[in-house]
Amino acid sequence: MASSTSQQEFDYLFKLLLIGDSGVGKSTLLLSFTSDTFEDLSPTIGVDFKIKHVTLGGKKLKLAIWDTAGQERFRTLTSSYYRGAQGIIMVYDVTRRDTFTNLADIWAKEIDLYSTNQDCIKLLVGNKVDKESERVVSKKEGIDFAREYGCLFLECSAKTRVNVEQCFEELVLKILDTPSLLSEGSSGVKKNIFKESPPQNDASTTGCCSS
């Protein structure tokens, strides 16, 4: 498979999406993972995304990781965020019960509505385990939710970097294990993954680029 992309510096390009309530640590998680080597691209349509090159499973991968900063308040463009994503990371804060209950009430429903890849890999992440004394969502609750919704599951701390790399690695290895997602990552997605933008008349004047 890799021979067809030998002229590229990577074998596959994967689009990963970070979703969850404001303040759960999505941006910090992304920065923690990418801060050693990343290309900083301008935020577009209220979404920030960063590029990370990794080698996993013997393949050179280019990860385009989208951070839906502020999206919770400005939902008019939601569907374009999900389009073509091979992996979706659902983040909650283990010290805030509402960020966990909203996973089922809001975020899982959005994935069902907007995800264009039937085999898209989902990862549930409980962030801020460095605040163990303030924890209100147990690890067992996270495991049970992940089992019910067919997600991978990890707890991490974006602040101390505990399990941060493992989050992305587990997700990507699972994508590499899914043939339908591989074929998409090696073909047309390369041409349009950075060019997705909403129709001009959809862009609201509510300042969707502010977080």
Foldseek 3Di string as FASTA:
>chain_A
DQVVVVVDPWSFEAEEEEDFDPPLCQVLLQCLQPVVDWDFDDADLLKGWIWDWDQDPNTTYIYIYIYNPLCVVPPLPVLLSQERHQEYEYEGEQLDPVRVVCCVVPVLVSCVVRHPDPNRAYEYEHEDCVVVVRGDHDPVNQVVVCVVSVHHYDYYYSVVGGCSNVRVRVNVVVLVVDVVSSVSRRDDCVPPVVPDDDDPVSRDPPPSNDD
